[in-house]
């Protein structure tokens, strides 16, 4: 069982909630914005404002996969999609993955805000 801290409340988070918070933080953080960790984050945040077509979606997926492979080793991604939210400027990452941090592999699905929304 993995433990962590909720970034907003300071309370304990376990397992999937901690992974969800980690994924959201990785995808919503633009590269180069963390002083001590310039390579932390993903280019996915910058891609969201580009014209919505197949090339942009593919670049955004690739950026998310590269960042999550590097910064979230508890997941092995099997599918990545992005959903445009109802509110202007909001977007969500919809991920299907396998958790590989426990004694057995477990399939999970996460939907996390990347911009302007809450999951």
PDB file of N, CA and C in Angstrom:
ATOM      1  N   UNK A   1       0.848  -1.171   0.000  1.00  0.00           N
ATOM      2  CA  UNK A   1       0.000   0.000   0.000  1.00  0.00           C
ATOM      3  C   UNK A   1       0.900   1.243   0.000  1.00  0.00           C
ATOM      4  N   UNK A   2       0.623   2.159  -0.908  1.00  0.00           N
ATOM      5  CA  UNK A   2       1.404   3.394  -0.951  1.00  0.00           C
ATOM      6  C   UNK A   2       0.664   4.494  -0.190  1.00  0.00           C
ATOM      7  N   UNK A   3       1.431   5.317   0.483  1.00  0.00           N
ATOM      8  CA  UNK A   3       0.878   6.417   1.260  1.00  0.00           C
ATOM      9  C   UNK A   3       1.436   7.725   0.748  1.00  0.00           C
ATOM     10  N   UNK A   4       0.665   8.756   0.882  1.00  0.00           N
ATOM     11  CA  UNK A   4       1.130  10.079   0.510  1.00  0.00           C
ATOM     12  C   UNK A   4       0.297  11.112   1.226  1.00  0.00           C
ATOM     13  N   UNK A   5       0.517  12.366   0.871  1.00  0.00           N
ATOM     14  CA  UNK A   5      -0.191  13.459   1.517  1.00  0.00           C
ATOM     15  C   UNK A   5      -1.007  14.220   0.483  1.00  0.00           C
ATOM     16  N   UNK A   6      -2.225  14.564   0.841  1.00  0.00           N
ATOM     17  CA  UNK A   6      -3.063  15.383  -0.009  1.00  0.00           C
ATOM     18  C   UNK A   6      -2.464  16.783  -0.063  1.00  0.00           C
ATOM     19  N   UNK A   7      -2.167  17.260  -1.264  1.00  0.00           N
ATOM     20  CA  UNK A   7      -1.511  18.557  -1.427  1.00  0.00           C
ATOM     21  C   UNK A   7      -2.385  19.716  -0.971  1.00  0.00           C
ATOM     22  N   UNK A   8      -3.691  19.556  -0.977  1.00  0.00           N
ATOM     23  CA  UNK A   8      -4.601  20.638  -0.605  1.00  0.00           C
ATOM     24  C   UNK A   8      -4.921  20.653   0.884  1.00  0.00           C
ATOM     25  N   UNK A   9      -5.076  19.460   1.494  1.00  0.00           N
ATOM     26  CA  UNK A   9      -5.534  19.406   2.881  1.00  0.00           C
ATOM     27  C   UNK A   9      -4.476  18.959   3.873  1.00  0.00           C
ATOM     28  N   UNK A  10      -3.426  18.301   3.391  1.00  0.00           N
ATOM     29  CA  UNK A  10      -2.401  17.767   4.281  1.00  0.00           C
ATOM     30  C   UNK A  10      -2.765  16.432   4.893  1.00  0.00           C
ATOM     31  N   UNK A  11      -3.937  15.914   4.588  1.00  0.00           N
ATOM     32  CA  UNK A  11      -4.363  14.624   5.124  1.00  0.00           C
ATOM     33  C   UNK A  11      -3.729  13.475   4.329  1.00  0.00           C
ATOM     34  N   UNK A  12      -3.759  12.307   4.911  1.00  0.00           N
ATOM     35  CA  UNK A  12      -3.158  11.136   4.284  1.00  0.00           C
ATOM     36  C   UNK A  12      -3.970  10.677   3.073  1.00  0.00           C
ATOM     37  N   UNK A  13      -3.254  10.254   2.052  1.00  0.00           N
ATOM     38  CA  UNK A  13      -3.858   9.634   0.871  1.00  0.00           C
ATOM     39  C   UNK A  13      -3.286   8.228   0.739  1.00  0.00           C
ATOM     40  N   UNK A  14      -4.088   7.320   0.283  1.00  0.00           N
ATOM     41  CA  UNK A  14      -3.594   5.962   0.064  1.00  0.00           C
ATOM     42  C   UNK A  14      -3.818   5.553  -1.377  1.00  0.00           C
ATOM     43  N   UNK A  15      -3.008   4.626  -1.807  1.00  0.00           N
ATOM     44  CA  UNK A  15      -3.127   3.941  -3.084  1.00  0.00           C
ATOM     45  C   UNK A  15      -3.545   4.804  -4.263  1.00  0.00           C
ATOM     46  N   UNK A  16      -4.709   4.508  -4.812  1.00  0.00           N
ATOM     47  CA  UNK A  16      -5.131   5.108  -6.069  1.00  0.00           C
ATOM     48  C   UNK A  16      -5.315   6.622  -5.980  1.00  0.00           C
ATOM     49  N   UNK A  17      -5.768   7.128  -4.850  1.00  0.00           N
ATOM     50  CA  UNK A  17      -5.917   8.582  -4.707  1.00  0.00           C
ATOM     51  C   UNK A  17      -4.564   9.287  -4.772  1.00  0.00           C
ATOM     52  N   UNK A  18      -3.543   8.674  -4.199  1.00  0.00           N
ATOM     53  CA  UNK A  18      -2.203   9.253  -4.258  1.00  0.00           C
ATOM     54  C   UNK A  18      -1.659   9.208  -5.691  1.00  0.00           C
ATOM     55  N   UNK A  19      -1.896   8.125  -6.391  1.00  0.00           N
ATOM     56  CA  UNK A  19      -1.479   8.021  -7.795  1.00  0.00           C
ATOM     57  C   UNK A  19      -2.210   9.061  -8.634  1.00  0.00           C
ATOM     58  N   UNK A  20      -3.518   9.213  -8.418  1.00  0.00           N
ATOM     59  CA  UNK A  20      -4.319  10.196  -9.165  1.00  0.00           C
ATOM     60  C   UNK A  20      -3.766  11.612  -8.957  1.00  0.00           C
ATOM     61  N   UNK A  21      -3.453  11.966  -7.707  1.00  0.00           N
ATOM     62  CA  UNK A  21      -2.896  13.281  -7.422  1.00  0.00           C
ATOM     63  C   UNK A  21      -1.540  13.452  -8.116  1.00  0.00           C
ATOM     64  N   UNK A  22      -0.727  12.437  -8.103  1.00  0.00           N
ATOM     65  CA  UNK A  22       0.587  12.488  -8.730  1.00  0.00           C
ATOM     66  C   UNK A  22       0.474  12.676 -10.243  1.00  0.00           C
ATOM     67  N   UNK A  23      -0.420  11.917 -10.870  1.00  0.00           N
ATOM     68  CA  UNK A  23      -0.628  12.024 -12.319  1.00  0.00           C
ATOM     69  C   UNK A  23      -1.112  13.424 -12.682  1.00  0.00           C
ATOM     70  N   UNK A  24      -2.057  13.950 -11.908  1.00  0.00           N
ATOM     71  CA  UNK A  24      -2.573  15.295 -12.184  1.00  0.00           C
ATOM     72  C   UNK A  24      -1.466  16.334 -12.074  1.00  0.00           C
ATOM     73  N   UNK A  25      -0.656  16.223 -11.052  1.00  0.00           N
ATOM     74  CA  UNK A  25       0.422  17.185 -10.851  1.00  0.00           C
ATOM     75  C   UNK A  25       1.448  17.099 -11.991  1.00  0.00           C
ATOM     76  N   UNK A  26       1.780  15.899 -12.422  1.00  0.00           N
ATOM     77  CA  UNK A  26       2.745  15.719 -13.515  1.00  0.00           C
ATOM     78  C   UNK A  26       2.213  16.335 -14.799  1.00  0.00           C
ATOM     79  N   UNK A  27       0.966  16.006 -15.161  1.00  0.00           N
ATOM     80  CA  UNK A  27       0.414  16.459 -16.442  1.00  0.00           C
ATOM     81  C   UNK A  27       0.100  17.949 -16.462  1.00  0.00           C
ATOM     82  N   UNK A  28      -0.222  18.534 -15.308  1.00  0.00           N
ATOM     83  CA  UNK A  28      -0.590  19.951 -15.260  1.00  0.00           C
ATOM     84  C   UNK A  28       0.613  20.875 -15.072  1.00  0.00           C
ATOM     85  N   UNK A  29       1.778  20.310 -14.807  1.00  0.00           N
ATOM     86  CA  UNK A  29       2.975  21.125 -14.591  1.00  0.00           C
ATOM     87  C   UNK A  29       3.740  21.287 -15.901  1.00  0.00           C
ATOM     88  N   UNK A  30       3.857  22.506 -16.405  1.00  0.00           N
ATOM     89  CA  UNK A  30       4.650  22.715 -17.622  1.00  0.00           C
ATOM     90  C   UNK A  30       6.136  22.449 -17.358  1.00  0.00           C
ATOM     91  N   UNK A  31       6.799  21.868 -18.329  1.00  0.00           N
ATOM     92  CA  UNK A  31       8.239  21.608 -18.199  1.00  0.00           C
ATOM     93  C   UNK A  31       8.987  22.897 -17.908  1.00  0.00           C
ATOM     94  N   UNK A  32      10.006  22.787 -17.056  1.00  0.00           N
ATOM     95  CA  UNK A  32      10.868  23.925 -16.765  1.00  0.00           C
ATOM     96  C   UNK A  32      10.361  24.881 -15.707  1.00  0.00           C
ATOM     97  N   UNK A  33       9.200  24.605 -15.107  1.00  0.00           N
ATOM     98  CA  UNK A  33       8.644  25.542 -14.127  1.00  0.00           C
ATOM     99  C   UNK A  33       9.002  25.197 -12.691  1.00  0.00           C
ATOM    100  N   UNK A  34       9.536  24.031 -12.430  1.00  0.00           N
ATOM    101  CA  UNK A  34       9.983  23.662 -11.085  1.00  0.00           C
ATOM    102  C   UNK A  34      11.468  23.987 -10.967  1.00  0.00           C
ATOM    103  N   UNK A  35      11.824  24.849 -10.034  1.00  0.00           N
ATOM    104  CA  UNK A  35      13.209  25.293  -9.901  1.00  0.00           C
ATOM    105  C   UNK A  35      14.182  24.154  -9.634  1.00  0.00           C
ATOM    106  N   UNK A  36      13.863  23.291  -8.709  1.00  0.00           N
ATOM    107  CA  UNK A  36      14.782  22.215  -8.351  1.00  0.00           C
ATOM    108  C   UNK A  36      14.694  21.020  -9.291  1.00  0.00           C
ATOM    109  N   UNK A  37      13.635  20.949 -10.068  1.00  0.00           N
ATOM    110  CA  UNK A  37      13.441  19.826 -10.996  1.00  0.00           C
ATOM    111  C   UNK A  37      12.953  20.359 -12.336  1.00  0.00           C
ATOM    112  N   UNK A  38      13.841  20.886 -13.116  1.00  0.00           N
ATOM    113  CA  UNK A  38      13.477  21.498 -14.405  1.00  0.00           C
ATOM    114  C   UNK A  38      12.839  20.510 -15.375  1.00  0.00           C
ATOM    115  N   UNK A  39      13.143  19.218 -15.229  1.00  0.00           N
ATOM    116  CA  UNK A  39      12.587  18.224 -16.155  1.00  0.00           C
ATOM    117  C   UNK A  39      11.271  17.632 -15.666  1.00  0.00           C
ATOM    118  N   UNK A  40      10.794  18.080 -14.492  1.00  0.00           N
ATOM    119  CA  UNK A  40       9.522  17.573 -13.971  1.00  0.00           C
ATOM    120  C   UNK A  40       8.370  18.199 -14.736  1.00  0.00           C
ATOM    121  N   UNK A  41       7.337  17.404 -15.019  1.00  0.00           N
ATOM    122  CA  UNK A  41       6.143  17.908 -15.686  1.00  0.00           C
ATOM    123  C   UNK A  41       5.992  17.293 -17.060  1.00  0.00           C
ATOM    124  N   UNK A  42       5.126  17.917 -17.855  1.00  0.00           N
ATOM    125  CA  UNK A  42       4.828  17.390 -19.184  1.00  0.00           C
ATOM    126  C   UNK A  42       4.563  18.529 -20.154  1.00  0.00           C
ATOM    127  N   UNK A  43       4.801  18.262 -21.398  1.00  0.00           N
ATOM    128  CA  UNK A  43       4.482  19.238 -22.436  1.00  0.00           C
ATOM    129  C   UNK A  43       2.997  19.219 -22.763  1.00  0.00           C
ATOM    130  N   UNK A  44       2.236  18.357 -22.108  1.00  0.00           N
ATOM    131  CA  UNK A  44       0.806  18.239 -22.377  1.00  0.00           C
ATOM    132  C   UNK A  44       0.072  19.544 -22.108  1.00  0.00           C
ATOM    133  N   UNK A  45       0.464  20.257 -21.061  1.00  0.00           N
ATOM    134  CA  UNK A  45      -0.215  21.513 -20.719  1.00  0.00           C
ATOM    135  C   UNK A  45      -0.097  22.538 -21.842  1.00  0.00           C
ATOM    136  N   UNK A  46       1.064  22.614 -22.490  1.00  0.00           N
ATOM    137  CA  UNK A  46       1.257  23.576 -23.583  1.00  0.00           C
ATOM    138  C   UNK A  46       0.470  23.179 -24.832  1.00  0.00           C
ATOM    139  N   UNK A  47       0.258  21.889 -25.025  1.00  0.00           N
ATOM    140  CA  UNK A  47      -0.424  21.394 -26.219  1.00  0.00           C
ATOM    141  C   UNK A  47      -1.937  21.692 -26.202  1.00  0.00           C
ATOM    142  N   UNK A  48      -2.504  21.833 -25.014  1.00  0.00           N
ATOM    143  CA  UNK A  48      -3.955  21.977 -24.868  1.00  0.00           C
ATOM    144  C   UNK A  48      -4.488  23.193 -25.629  1.00  0.00           C
ATOM    145  N   UNK A  49      -3.736  24.288 -25.687  1.00  0.00           N
ATOM    146  CA  UNK A  49      -4.217  25.507 -26.334  1.00  0.00           C
ATOM    147  C   UNK A  49      -4.046  25.515 -27.852  1.00  0.00           C
ATOM    148  N   UNK A  50      -3.384  24.524 -28.407  1.00  0.00           N
ATOM    149  CA  UNK A  50      -3.178  24.473 -29.853  1.00  0.00           C
ATOM    150  C   UNK A  50      -4.461  24.055 -30.554  1.00  0.00           C
ATOM    151  N   UNK A  51      -4.571  24.306 -31.861  1.00  0.00           N
ATOM    152  CA  UNK A  51      -5.772  23.884 -32.589  1.00  0.00           C
ATOM    153  C   UNK A  51      -6.018  22.384 -32.408  1.00  0.00           C
ATOM    154  N   UNK A  52      -7.264  22.035 -32.184  1.00  0.00           N
ATOM    155  CA  UNK A  52      -7.626  20.652 -31.894  1.00  0.00           C
ATOM    156  C   UNK A  52      -7.770  19.862 -33.191  1.00  0.00           C
ATOM    157  N   UNK A  53      -6.765  19.063 -33.499  1.00  0.00           N
ATOM    158  CA  UNK A  53      -6.821  18.149 -34.627  1.00  0.00           C
ATOM    159  C   UNK A  53      -5.963  16.934 -34.303  1.00  0.00           C
ATOM    160  N   UNK A  54      -5.884  15.981 -35.200  1.00  0.00           N
ATOM    161  CA  UNK A  54      -5.232  14.698 -34.935  1.00  0.00           C
ATOM    162  C   UNK A  54      -3.764  14.851 -34.531  1.00  0.00           C
ATOM    163  N   UNK A  55      -3.040  15.759 -35.162  1.00  0.00           N
ATOM    164  CA  UNK A  55      -1.620  15.934 -34.853  1.00  0.00           C
ATOM    165  C   UNK A  55      -1.439  16.465 -33.428  1.00  0.00           C
ATOM    166  N   UNK A  56      -2.234  17.455 -33.049  1.00  0.00           N
ATOM    167  CA  UNK A  56      -2.145  18.004 -31.697  1.00  0.00           C
ATOM    168  C   UNK A  56      -2.469  16.932 -30.656  1.00  0.00           C
ATOM    169  N   UNK A  57      -3.528  16.150 -30.901  1.00  0.00           N
ATOM    170  CA  UNK A  57      -3.895  15.094 -29.957  1.00  0.00           C
ATOM    171  C   UNK A  57      -2.782  14.057 -29.826  1.00  0.00           C
ATOM    172  N   UNK A  58      -2.155  13.701 -30.941  1.00  0.00           N
ATOM    173  CA  UNK A  58      -1.077  12.713 -30.887  1.00  0.00           C
ATOM    174  C   UNK A  58       0.134  13.262 -30.124  1.00  0.00           C
ATOM    175  N   UNK A  59       0.478  14.520 -30.352  1.00  0.00           N
ATOM    176  CA  UNK A  59       1.590  15.140 -29.622  1.00  0.00           C
ATOM    177  C   UNK A  59       1.280  15.208 -28.125  1.00  0.00           C
ATOM    178  N   UNK A  60       0.038  15.526 -27.781  1.00  0.00           N
ATOM    179  CA  UNK A  60      -0.368  15.621 -26.382  1.00  0.00           C
ATOM    180  C   UNK A  60      -0.299  14.255 -25.714  1.00  0.00           C
ATOM    181  N   UNK A  61      -0.783  13.220 -26.406  1.00  0.00           N
ATOM    182  CA  UNK A  61      -0.695  11.855 -25.868  1.00  0.00           C
ATOM    183  C   UNK A  61       0.763  11.457 -25.649  1.00  0.00           C
ATOM    184  N   UNK A  62       1.599  11.733 -26.644  1.00  0.00           N
ATOM    185  CA  UNK A  62       3.020  11.376 -26.536  1.00  0.00           C
ATOM    186  C   UNK A  62       3.673  12.093 -25.357  1.00  0.00           C
ATOM    187  N   UNK A  63       3.358  13.374 -25.182  1.00  0.00           N
ATOM    188  CA  UNK A  63       3.921  14.142 -24.067  1.00  0.00           C
ATOM    189  C   UNK A  63       3.492  13.544 -22.726  1.00  0.00           C
ATOM    190  N   UNK A  64       2.234  13.154 -22.639  1.00  0.00           N
ATOM    191  CA  UNK A  64       1.723  12.559 -21.399  1.00  0.00           C
ATOM    192  C   UNK A  64       2.399  11.223 -21.121  1.00  0.00           C
ATOM    193  N   UNK A  65       2.520  10.396 -22.133  1.00  0.00           N
ATOM    194  CA  UNK A  65       3.146   9.082 -21.953  1.00  0.00           C
ATOM    195  C   UNK A  65       4.595   9.233 -21.511  1.00  0.00           C
ATOM    196  N   UNK A  66       5.345  10.100 -22.164  1.00  0.00           N
ATOM    197  CA  UNK A  66       6.759  10.284 -21.801  1.00  0.00           C
ATOM    198  C   UNK A  66       6.904  10.772 -20.362  1.00  0.00           C
ATOM    199  N   UNK A  67       6.082  11.745 -19.977  1.00  0.00           N
ATOM    200  CA  UNK A  67       6.172  12.289 -18.619  1.00  0.00           C
ATOM    201  C   UNK A  67       5.770  11.260 -17.568  1.00  0.00           C
ATOM    202  N   UNK A  68       4.697  10.532 -17.821  1.00  0.00           N
ATOM    203  CA  UNK A  68       4.237   9.561 -16.833  1.00  0.00           C
ATOM    204  C   UNK A  68       5.178   8.362 -16.738  1.00  0.00           C
ATOM    205  N   UNK A  69       5.779   7.974 -17.832  1.00  0.00           N
ATOM    206  CA  UNK A  69       6.771   6.887 -17.767  1.00  0.00           C
ATOM    207  C   UNK A  69       7.950   7.296 -16.897  1.00  0.00           C
ATOM    208  N   UNK A  70       8.339   8.548 -16.980  1.00  0.00           N
ATOM    209  CA  UNK A  70       9.485   9.020 -16.210  1.00  0.00           C
ATOM    210  C   UNK A  70       9.152   9.261 -14.738  1.00  0.00           C
ATOM    211  N   UNK A  71       8.024   9.916 -14.479  1.00  0.00           N
ATOM    212  CA  UNK A  71       7.740  10.397 -13.133  1.00  0.00           C
ATOM    213  C   UNK A  71       6.747   9.574 -12.327  1.00  0.00           C
ATOM    214  N   UNK A  72       6.051   8.634 -12.933  1.00  0.00           N
ATOM    215  CA  UNK A  72       5.085   7.815 -12.180  1.00  0.00           C
ATOM    216  C   UNK A  72       5.315   6.332 -12.490  1.00  0.00           C
ATOM    217  N   UNK A  73       6.318   5.737 -11.848  1.00  0.00           N
ATOM    218  CA  UNK A  73       6.676   4.346 -12.146  1.00  0.00           C
ATOM    219  C   UNK A  73       5.667   3.312 -11.651  1.00  0.00           C
ATOM    220  N   UNK A  74       4.677   3.745 -10.876  1.00  0.00           N
ATOM    221  CA  UNK A  74       3.669   2.797 -10.385  1.00  0.00           C
ATOM    222  C   UNK A  74       2.663   2.419 -11.458  1.00  0.00           C
ATOM    223  N   UNK A  75       2.684   3.124 -12.611  1.00  0.00           N
ATOM    224  CA  UNK A  75       1.730   2.867 -13.684  1.00  0.00           C
ATOM    225  C   UNK A  75       2.430   2.437 -14.970  1.00  0.00           C
ATOM    226  N   UNK A  76       1.799   1.523 -15.678  1.00  0.00           N
ATOM    227  CA  UNK A  76       2.191   1.176 -17.040  1.00  0.00           C
ATOM    228  C   UNK A  76       0.965   1.485 -17.910  1.00  0.00           C
ATOM    229  N   UNK A  77       1.063   2.553 -18.702  1.00  0.00           N
ATOM    230  CA  UNK A  77      -0.079   3.037 -19.486  1.00  0.00           C
ATOM    231  C   UNK A  77      -0.435   2.076 -20.615  1.00  0.00           C
ATOM    232  N   UNK A  78      -1.741   1.900 -20.820  1.00  0.00           N
ATOM    233  CA  UNK A  78      -2.228   1.117 -21.955  1.00  0.00           C
ATOM    234  C   UNK A  78      -3.076   1.962 -22.907  1.00  0.00           C
ATOM    235  N   UNK A  79      -3.613   3.089 -22.406  1.00  0.00           N
ATOM    236  CA  UNK A  79      -4.411   3.989 -23.245  1.00  0.00           C
ATOM    237  C   UNK A  79      -4.405   5.389 -22.641  1.00  0.00           C
ATOM    238  N   UNK A  80      -4.270   6.394 -23.506  1.00  0.00           N
ATOM    239  CA  UNK A  80      -4.296   7.788 -23.078  1.00  0.00           C
ATOM    240  C   UNK A  80      -5.201   8.563 -24.018  1.00  0.00           C
ATOM    241  N   UNK A  81      -6.177   9.243 -23.461  1.00  0.00           N
ATOM    242  CA  UNK A  81      -7.054  10.120 -24.234  1.00  0.00           C
ATOM    243  C   UNK A  81      -7.194  11.434 -23.486  1.00  0.00           C
ATOM    244  N   UNK A  82      -7.589  12.460 -24.212  1.00  0.00           N
ATOM    245  CA  UNK A  82      -7.857  13.756 -23.592  1.00  0.00           C
ATOM    246  C   UNK A  82      -9.284  14.152 -23.915  1.00  0.00           C
ATOM    247  N   UNK A  83      -9.960  14.710 -22.905  1.00  0.00           N
ATOM    248  CA  UNK A  83     -11.360  15.110 -23.024  1.00  0.00           C
ATOM    249  C   UNK A  83     -11.429  16.610 -22.794  1.00  0.00           C
ATOM    250  N   UNK A  84     -12.093  17.305 -23.692  1.00  0.00           N
ATOM    251  CA  UNK A  84     -12.318  18.736 -23.510  1.00  0.00           C
ATOM    252  C   UNK A  84     -13.512  18.890 -22.578  1.00  0.00           C
ATOM    253  N   UNK A  85     -13.354  19.683 -21.519  1.00  0.00           N
ATOM    254  CA  UNK A  85     -14.407  19.847 -20.520  1.00  0.00           C
ATOM    255  C   UNK A  85     -15.523  20.765 -20.971  1.00  0.00           C
ATOM    256  N   UNK A  86     -16.571  20.825 -20.170  1.00  0.00           N
ATOM    257  CA  UNK A  86     -17.728  21.682 -20.453  1.00  0.00           C
ATOM    258  C   UNK A  86     -17.396  23.160 -20.274  1.00  0.00           C
ATOM    259  N   UNK A  87     -16.543  23.473 -19.281  1.00  0.00           N
ATOM    260  CA  UNK A  87     -16.155  24.860 -19.053  1.00  0.00           C
ATOM    261  C   UNK A  87     -15.067  25.248 -20.049  1.00  0.00           C
ATOM    262  N   UNK A  88     -15.100  26.477 -20.552  1.00  0.00           N
ATOM    263  CA  UNK A  88     -14.046  26.916 -21.470  1.00  0.00           C
ATOM    264  C   UNK A  88     -12.658  26.779 -20.837  1.00  0.00           C
ATOM    265  N   UNK A  89     -11.736  26.201 -21.592  1.00  0.00           N
ATOM    266  CA  UNK A  89     -10.366  26.052 -21.125  1.00  0.00           C
ATOM    267  C   UNK A  89     -10.114  24.843 -20.254  1.00  0.00           C
ATOM    268  N   UNK A  90     -11.132  24.018 -20.002  1.00  0.00           N
ATOM    269  CA  UNK A  90     -10.912  22.846 -19.158  1.00  0.00           C
ATOM    270  C   UNK A  90     -10.651  21.611 -20.015  1.00  0.00           C
ATOM    271  N   UNK A  91      -9.744  20.774 -19.520  1.00  0.00           N
ATOM    272  CA  UNK A  91      -9.404  19.530 -20.219  1.00  0.00           C
ATOM    273  C   UNK A  91      -9.028  18.477 -19.185  1.00  0.00           C
ATOM    274  N   UNK A  92      -9.279  17.228 -19.526  1.00  0.00           N
ATOM    275  CA  UNK A  92      -9.021  16.105 -18.641  1.00  0.00           C
ATOM    276  C   UNK A  92      -8.249  15.023 -19.385  1.00  0.00           C
ATOM    277  N   UNK A  93      -7.376  14.347 -18.659  1.00  0.00           N
ATOM    278  CA  UNK A  93      -6.690  13.175 -19.198  1.00  0.00           C
ATOM    279  C   UNK A  93      -7.462  11.951 -18.732  1.00  0.00           C
ATOM    280  N   UNK A  94      -7.784  11.070 -19.668  1.00  0.00           N
ATOM    281  CA  UNK A  94      -8.474   9.829 -19.366  1.00  0.00           C
ATOM    282  C   UNK A  94      -7.481   8.701 -19.638  1.00  0.00           C
ATOM    283  N   UNK A  95      -7.023   8.051 -18.576  1.00  0.00           N
ATOM    284  CA  UNK A  95      -5.953   7.067 -18.685  1.00  0.00           C
ATOM    285  C   UNK A  95      -6.428   5.679 -18.295  1.00  0.00           C
ATOM    286  N   UNK A  96      -5.991   4.700 -19.041  1.00  0.00           N
ATOM    287  CA  UNK A  96      -6.145   3.307 -18.659  1.00  0.00           C
ATOM    288  C   UNK A  96      -4.731   2.780 -18.477  1.00  0.00           C
ATOM    289  N   UNK A  97      -4.497   2.100 -17.358  1.00  0.00           N
ATOM    290  CA  UNK A  97      -3.145   1.658 -17.042  1.00  0.00           C
ATOM    291  C   UNK A  97      -3.184   0.407 -16.191  1.00  0.00           C
ATOM    292  N   UNK A  98      -2.006  -0.144 -16.001  1.00  0.00           N
ATOM    293  CA  UNK A  98      -1.826  -1.241 -15.064  1.00  0.00           C
ATOM    294  C   UNK A  98      -0.970  -0.734 -13.919  1.00  0.00           C
ATOM    295  N   UNK A  99      -1.410  -0.983 -12.694  1.00  0.00           N
ATOM    296  CA  UNK A  99      -0.584  -0.652 -11.526  1.00  0.00           C
ATOM    297  C   UNK A  99       0.436  -1.755 -11.358  1.00  0.00           C
ATOM    298  N   UNK A 100       1.675  -1.375 -11.272  1.00  0.00           N
ATOM    299  CA  UNK A 100       2.745  -2.361 -11.169  1.00  0.00           C
ATOM    300  C   UNK A 100       3.537  -2.192  -9.870  1.00  0.00           C
ATOM    301  N   UNK A 101       2.939  -1.543  -8.876  1.00  0.00           N
ATOM    302  CA  UNK A 101       3.644  -1.283  -7.620  1.00  0.00           C
ATOM    303  C   UNK A 101       3.323  -2.289  -6.522  1.00  0.00           C
ATOM    304  N   UNK A 102       2.395  -3.165  -6.740  1.00  0.00           N
ATOM    305  CA  UNK A 102       2.010  -4.124  -5.710  1.00  0.00           C
ATOM    306  C   UNK A 102       2.481  -5.520  -6.030  1.00  0.00           C
ATOM    307  N   UNK A 103       1.960  -6.467  -5.305  1.00  0.00           N
ATOM    308  CA  UNK A 103       2.361  -7.856  -5.504  1.00  0.00           C
ATOM    309  C   UNK A 103       1.709  -8.461  -6.746  1.00  0.00           C
ATOM    310  N   UNK A 104       0.646  -7.803  -7.233  1.00  0.00           N
ATOM    311  CA  UNK A 104       0.009  -8.278  -8.472  1.00  0.00           C
ATOM    312  C   UNK A 104      -0.332  -7.080  -9.348  1.00  0.00           C
ATOM    313  N   UNK A 105      -0.431  -7.329 -10.633  1.00  0.00           N
ATOM    314  CA  UNK A 105      -0.773  -6.256 -11.573  1.00  0.00           C
ATOM    315  C   UNK A 105      -2.275  -6.034 -11.528  1.00  0.00           C
ATOM    316  N   UNK A 106      -2.686  -4.764 -11.437  1.00  0.00           N
ATOM    317  CA  UNK A 106      -4.091  -4.403 -11.329  1.00  0.00           C
ATOM    318  C   UNK A 106      -4.424  -3.341 -12.379  1.00  0.00           C
ATOM    319  N   UNK A 107      -5.508  -3.520 -13.128  1.00  0.00           N
ATOM    320  CA  UNK A 107      -5.942  -2.536 -14.117  1.00  0.00           C
ATOM    321  C   UNK A 107      -6.651  -1.383 -13.415  1.00  0.00           C
ATOM    322  N   UNK A 108      -6.356  -0.153 -13.855  1.00  0.00           N
ATOM    323  CA  UNK A 108      -7.003   1.028 -13.295  1.00  0.00           C
ATOM    324  C   UNK A 108      -7.375   1.989 -14.416  1.00  0.00           C
ATOM    325  N   UNK A 109      -8.367   2.806 -14.134  1.00  0.00           N
ATOM    326  CA  UNK A 109      -8.746   3.877 -15.051  1.00  0.00           C
ATOM    327  C   UNK A 109      -8.828   5.162 -14.245  1.00  0.00           C
ATOM    328  N   UNK A 110      -8.156   6.196 -14.736  1.00  0.00           N
ATOM    329  CA  UNK A 110      -8.113   7.481 -14.045  1.00  0.00           C
ATOM    330  C   UNK A 110      -8.545   8.584 -14.993  1.00  0.00           C
ATOM    331  N   UNK A 111      -9.344   9.507 -14.507  1.00  0.00           N
ATOM    332  CA  UNK A 111      -9.655  10.728 -15.226  1.00  0.00           C
ATOM    333  C   UNK A 111      -9.215  11.873 -14.327  1.00  0.00           C
ATOM    334  N   UNK A 112      -8.241  12.644 -14.799  1.00  0.00           N
ATOM    335  CA  UNK A 112      -7.679  13.716 -13.977  1.00  0.00           C
ATOM    336  C   UNK A 112      -7.707  15.038 -14.740  1.00  0.00           C
ATOM    337  N   UNK A 113      -7.954  16.132 -14.026  1.00  0.00           N
ATOM    338  CA  UNK A 113      -7.931  17.444 -14.697  1.00  0.00           C
ATOM    339  C   UNK A 113      -6.508  17.817 -15.087  1.00  0.00           C
ATOM    340  N   UNK A 114      -6.365  18.325 -16.293  1.00  0.00           N
ATOM    341  CA  UNK A 114      -5.082  18.821 -16.762  1.00  0.00           C
ATOM    342  C   UNK A 114      -5.113  20.335 -16.750  1.00  0.00           C
ATOM    343  N   UNK A 115      -6.301  20.882 -16.966  1.00  0.00           N
ATOM    344  CA  UNK A 115      -6.485  22.344 -17.029  1.00  0.00           C
ATOM    345  C   UNK A 115      -7.896  22.714 -16.643  1.00  0.00           C
ATOM    346  N   UNK A 116      -8.030  23.668 -15.759  1.00  0.00           N
ATOM    347  CA  UNK A 116      -9.297  24.327 -15.476  1.00  0.00           C
ATOM    348  C   UNK A 116     -10.461  23.489 -15.025  1.00  0.00           C
ATOM    349  N   UNK A 117     -10.221  22.379 -14.370  1.00  0.00           N
ATOM    350  CA  UNK A 117     -11.340  21.569 -13.914  1.00  0.00           C
ATOM    351  C   UNK A 117     -10.995  20.785 -12.678  1.00  0.00           C
ATOM    352  N   UNK A 118     -11.979  20.090 -12.143  1.00  0.00           N
ATOM    353  CA  UNK A 118     -11.768  19.192 -11.022  1.00  0.00           C
ATOM    354  C   UNK A 118     -12.379  17.862 -11.373  1.00  0.00           C
ATOM    355  N   UNK A 119     -11.703  16.802 -10.955  1.00  0.00           N
ATOM    356  CA  UNK A 119     -12.188  15.451 -11.274  1.00  0.00           C
ATOM    357  C   UNK A 119     -13.191  14.966 -10.259  1.00  0.00           C
TER     358      UNK A 119
END
